[in-house]
Amino acid sequence: MEFKGRAIVPGGAEGEAVVVDSISFYGEVDPDTGRLADGRSIKGRILIARRTRGSTVGSYIIYALAKNGAAPKAIIVERAEPIVIVGAILASIPLIDTLPPKFFETVRDGCSITVEGDTVRLLEECG
């Protein structure tokens, strides 16, 4: 399945999805390891979050993830907020938003995904 969105930080990536409903980079992501508070890792994966929240420290956490080799390969959100945009720019992490609701209804943890510019492809059935 293929979905079009808005590439805020263009780029390409391929990896396994880690899906969260909501995330705050400050306090819910370890910048040294890429581990989420629930124990899953975003390191080398595609992070998908409907919503993001948090303070300006979130931008620094995203940058620190990249510097520590623990960053996601790409970030996909329903609507990008300035904190995530700045962090993704600083860290050179592809960032896409405004994908259709069907994408967020379909994607699950472990789905294989490719990101290229404004296009996201699910490489296997994720239902």
C-alpha atoms as a PDB file:
ATOM      1  CA  MET A   1       0.000   0.000   0.000  1.00  0.00           C
ATOM      2  CA  GLU A   2       1.225   3.482  -0.822  1.00  0.00           C
ATOM      3  CA  PHE A   3       0.379   6.730   0.957  1.00  0.00           C
ATOM      4  CA  LYS A   4       1.288  10.335   0.182  1.00  0.00           C
ATOM      5  CA  GLY A   5       2.003  12.917   2.841  1.00  0.00           C
ATOM      6  CA  ARG A   6       4.024  16.087   3.304  1.00  0.00           C
ATOM      7  CA  ALA A   7       7.796  15.645   3.502  1.00  0.00           C
ATOM      8  CA  ILE A   8       8.941  18.244   6.010  1.00  0.00           C
ATOM      9  CA  VAL A   9      12.453  16.809   6.190  1.00  0.00           C
ATOM     10  CA  PRO A  10      12.868  14.935   2.903  1.00  0.00           C
ATOM     11  CA  GLY A  11      14.828  11.735   2.704  1.00  0.00           C
ATOM     12  CA  GLY A  12      14.617   8.020   2.352  1.00  0.00           C
ATOM     13  CA  ALA A  13      14.540   5.143   4.801  1.00  0.00           C
ATOM     14  CA  GLU A  14      13.453   1.548   5.104  1.00  0.00           C
ATOM     15  CA  GLY A  15      12.713  -0.284   8.311  1.00  0.00           C
ATOM     16  CA  GLU A  16      10.359  -1.810  10.797  1.00  0.00           C
ATOM     17  CA  ALA A  17       7.586   0.311  12.302  1.00  0.00           C
ATOM     18  CA  VAL A  18       7.320   1.197  15.969  1.00  0.00           C
ATOM     19  CA  VAL A  19       3.837   2.618  16.513  1.00  0.00           C
ATOM     20  CA  VAL A  20       2.756   4.804  19.426  1.00  0.00           C
ATOM     21  CA  ASP A  21      -0.403   6.807  19.847  1.00  0.00           C
ATOM     22  CA  SER A  22       1.362   9.711  21.536  1.00  0.00           C
ATOM     23  CA  ILE A  23       4.963  10.489  22.463  1.00  0.00           C
ATOM     24  CA  SER A  24       6.963  13.053  24.393  1.00  0.00           C
ATOM     25  CA  PHE A  25      10.644  12.816  23.536  1.00  0.00           C
ATOM     26  CA  TYR A  26      11.499  14.340  26.910  1.00  0.00           C
ATOM     27  CA  GLY A  27      10.946  11.685  29.555  1.00  0.00           C
ATOM     28  CA  GLU A  28       9.642   8.894  27.317  1.00  0.00           C
ATOM     29  CA  VAL A  29      12.725   8.269  25.158  1.00  0.00           C
ATOM     30  CA  ASP A  30      16.225   7.480  26.411  1.00  0.00           C
ATOM     31  CA  PRO A  31      18.546   9.615  24.246  1.00  0.00           C
ATOM     32  CA  ASP A  32      21.462   7.224  24.822  1.00  0.00           C
ATOM     33  CA  THR A  33      19.722   3.993  23.781  1.00  0.00           C
ATOM     34  CA  GLY A  34      16.570   4.944  21.867  1.00  0.00           C
ATOM     35  CA  ARG A  35      14.437   2.940  24.306  1.00  0.00           C
ATOM     36  CA  LEU A  36      10.889   4.065  24.933  1.00  0.00           C
ATOM     37  CA  ALA A  37       9.439   4.082  28.443  1.00  0.00           C
ATOM     38  CA  ASP A  38       7.558   0.870  27.553  1.00  0.00           C
ATOM     39  CA  GLY A  39      10.846  -0.929  26.708  1.00  0.00           C
ATOM     40  CA  ARG A  40      10.588  -0.908  22.906  1.00  0.00           C
ATOM     41  CA  SER A  41      13.393   0.626  20.873  1.00  0.00           C
ATOM     42  CA  ILE A  42      13.118   3.223  18.107  1.00  0.00           C
ATOM     43  CA  LYS A  43      16.795   2.850  17.191  1.00  0.00           C
ATOM     44  CA  GLY A  44      17.068   2.084  13.468  1.00  0.00           C
ATOM     45  CA  ARG A  45      13.295   1.803  13.070  1.00  0.00           C
ATOM     46  CA  ILE A  46      10.547   3.989  11.616  1.00  0.00           C
ATOM     47  CA  LEU A  47       8.782   5.846  14.444  1.00  0.00           C
ATOM     48  CA  ILE A  48       5.085   6.403  13.846  1.00  0.00           C
ATOM     49  CA  ALA A  49       3.088   8.571  16.244  1.00  0.00           C
ATOM     50  CA  ARG A  50      -0.334  10.097  15.852  1.00  0.00           C
ATOM     51  CA  ARG A  51       0.520  12.856  18.310  1.00  0.00           C
ATOM     52  CA  THR A  52       3.609  14.374  19.853  1.00  0.00           C
ATOM     53  CA  ARG A  53       3.786  16.478  22.978  1.00  0.00           C
ATOM     54  CA  GLY A  54       6.399  17.992  25.169  1.00  0.00           C
ATOM     55  CA  SER A  55       8.696  20.883  25.809  1.00  0.00           C
ATOM     56  CA  THR A  56      11.469  22.445  23.778  1.00  0.00           C
ATOM     57  CA  VAL A  57      13.853  19.855  25.233  1.00  0.00           C
ATOM     58  CA  GLY A  58      12.261  17.387  22.787  1.00  0.00           C
ATOM     59  CA  SER A  59      14.223  18.911  19.892  1.00  0.00           C
ATOM     60  CA  TYR A  60      17.472  18.338  21.768  1.00  0.00           C
ATOM     61  CA  ILE A  61      16.488  14.727  22.599  1.00  0.00           C
ATOM     62  CA  ILE A  62      15.912  13.987  18.896  1.00  0.00           C
ATOM     63  CA  TYR A  63      19.305  15.539  18.090  1.00  0.00           C
ATOM     64  CA  ALA A  64      20.960  13.560  20.921  1.00  0.00           C
ATOM     65  CA  LEU A  65      19.415  10.322  19.613  1.00  0.00           C
ATOM     66  CA  ALA A  66      21.133  10.934  16.271  1.00  0.00           C
ATOM     67  CA  LYS A  67      24.466  11.866  17.845  1.00  0.00           C
ATOM     68  CA  ASN A  68      24.339   8.709  19.994  1.00  0.00           C
ATOM     69  CA  GLY A  69      23.476   6.414  17.073  1.00  0.00           C
ATOM     70  CA  ALA A  70      20.095   5.640  18.638  1.00  0.00           C
ATOM     71  CA  ALA A  71      17.746   7.601  16.361  1.00  0.00           C
ATOM     72  CA  PRO A  72      14.873   6.308  14.289  1.00  0.00           C
ATOM     73  CA  LYS A  73      15.471   6.103  10.530  1.00  0.00           C
ATOM     74  CA  ALA A  74      12.405   8.278   9.942  1.00  0.00           C
ATOM     75  CA  ILE A  75       9.540   9.843  11.878  1.00  0.00           C
ATOM     76  CA  ILE A  76       5.944   9.831  10.662  1.00  0.00           C
ATOM     77  CA  VAL A  77       3.334  11.853  12.532  1.00  0.00           C
ATOM     78  CA  GLU A  78      -0.239  12.879  11.915  1.00  0.00           C
ATOM     79  CA  ARG A  79       0.571  16.581  12.295  1.00  0.00           C
ATOM     80  CA  ALA A  80       4.137  17.724  12.981  1.00  0.00           C
ATOM     81  CA  GLU A  81       4.648  20.312  15.685  1.00  0.00           C
ATOM     82  CA  PRO A  82       7.589  22.748  15.778  1.00  0.00           C
ATOM     83  CA  ILE A  83       9.497  20.795  18.475  1.00  0.00           C
ATOM     84  CA  VAL A  84       9.646  17.644  16.328  1.00  0.00           C
ATOM     85  CA  ILE A  85      10.325  19.598  13.143  1.00  0.00           C
ATOM     86  CA  VAL A  86      13.343  21.360  14.651  1.00  0.00           C
ATOM     87  CA  GLY A  87      14.682  18.117  16.135  1.00  0.00           C
ATOM     88  CA  ALA A  88      14.305  16.229  12.845  1.00  0.00           C
ATOM     89  CA  ILE A  89      16.027  19.037  10.934  1.00  0.00           C
ATOM     90  CA  LEU A  90      18.943  19.175  13.392  1.00  0.00           C
ATOM     91  CA  ALA A  91      19.292  15.385  13.328  1.00  0.00           C
ATOM     92  CA  SER A  92      18.707  15.001   9.557  1.00  0.00           C
ATOM     93  CA  ILE A  93      15.913  12.485  10.168  1.00  0.00           C
ATOM     94  CA  PRO A  94      13.252  12.245   7.435  1.00  0.00           C
ATOM     95  CA  LEU A  95       9.939  13.592   8.782  1.00  0.00           C
ATOM     96  CA  ILE A  96       6.565  13.163   7.107  1.00  0.00           C
ATOM     97  CA  ASP A  97       3.125  14.294   8.218  1.00  0.00           C
ATOM     98  CA  THR A  98      -0.437  14.740   6.886  1.00  0.00           C
ATOM     99  CA  LEU A  99      -0.779  11.154   5.688  1.00  0.00           C
ATOM    100  CA  PRO A 100      -4.380  10.005   5.248  1.00  0.00           C
ATOM    101  CA  PRO A 101      -6.141   8.559   8.325  1.00  0.00           C
ATOM    102  CA  LYS A 102      -6.170   5.119   6.669  1.00  0.00           C
ATOM    103  CA  PHE A 103      -2.381   4.935   7.090  1.00  0.00           C
ATOM    104  CA  PHE A 104      -2.630   5.316  10.871  1.00  0.00           C
ATOM    105  CA  GLU A 105      -5.508   2.838  10.992  1.00  0.00           C
ATOM    106  CA  THR A 106      -3.530   0.240   9.005  1.00  0.00           C
ATOM    107  CA  VAL A 107       0.073   0.420  10.261  1.00  0.00           C
ATOM    108  CA  ARG A 108       1.122  -1.776  13.195  1.00  0.00           C
ATOM    109  CA  ASP A 109       4.323  -2.537  15.094  1.00  0.00           C
ATOM    110  CA  GLY A 110       6.644  -4.599  12.963  1.00  0.00           C
ATOM    111  CA  CYS A 111       5.275  -3.554   9.568  1.00  0.00           C
ATOM    112  CA  SER A 112       7.994  -3.129   6.962  1.00  0.00           C
ATOM    113  CA  ILE A 113       7.962   0.429   5.649  1.00  0.00           C
ATOM    114  CA  THR A 114       9.819   2.496   3.096  1.00  0.00           C
ATOM    115  CA  VAL A 115       9.906   6.275   3.113  1.00  0.00           C
ATOM    116  CA  GLU A 116      10.952   8.203   0.022  1.00  0.00           C
ATOM    117  CA  GLY A 117      10.286  11.918  -0.065  1.00  0.00           C
ATOM    118  CA  ASP A 118       6.558  12.398   0.498  1.00  0.00           C
ATOM    119  CA  THR A 119       5.688   8.728  -0.120  1.00  0.00           C
ATOM    120  CA  VAL A 120       5.295   5.971   2.471  1.00  0.00           C
ATOM    121  CA  ARG A 121       4.888   2.339   1.403  1.00  0.00           C
ATOM    122  CA  LEU A 122       3.811  -0.567   3.556  1.00  0.00           C
ATOM    123  CA  LEU A 123       5.776  -3.530   2.205  1.00  0.00           C
ATOM    124  CA  GLU A 124       3.623  -6.241   3.729  1.00  0.00           C
ATOM    125  CA  GLU A 125       0.099  -6.753   4.971  1.00  0.00           C
ATOM    126  CA  CYS A 126      -0.246  -5.004   8.313  1.00  0.00           C
ATOM    127  CA  GLY A 127      -3.833  -5.784   9.221  1.00  0.00           C
END
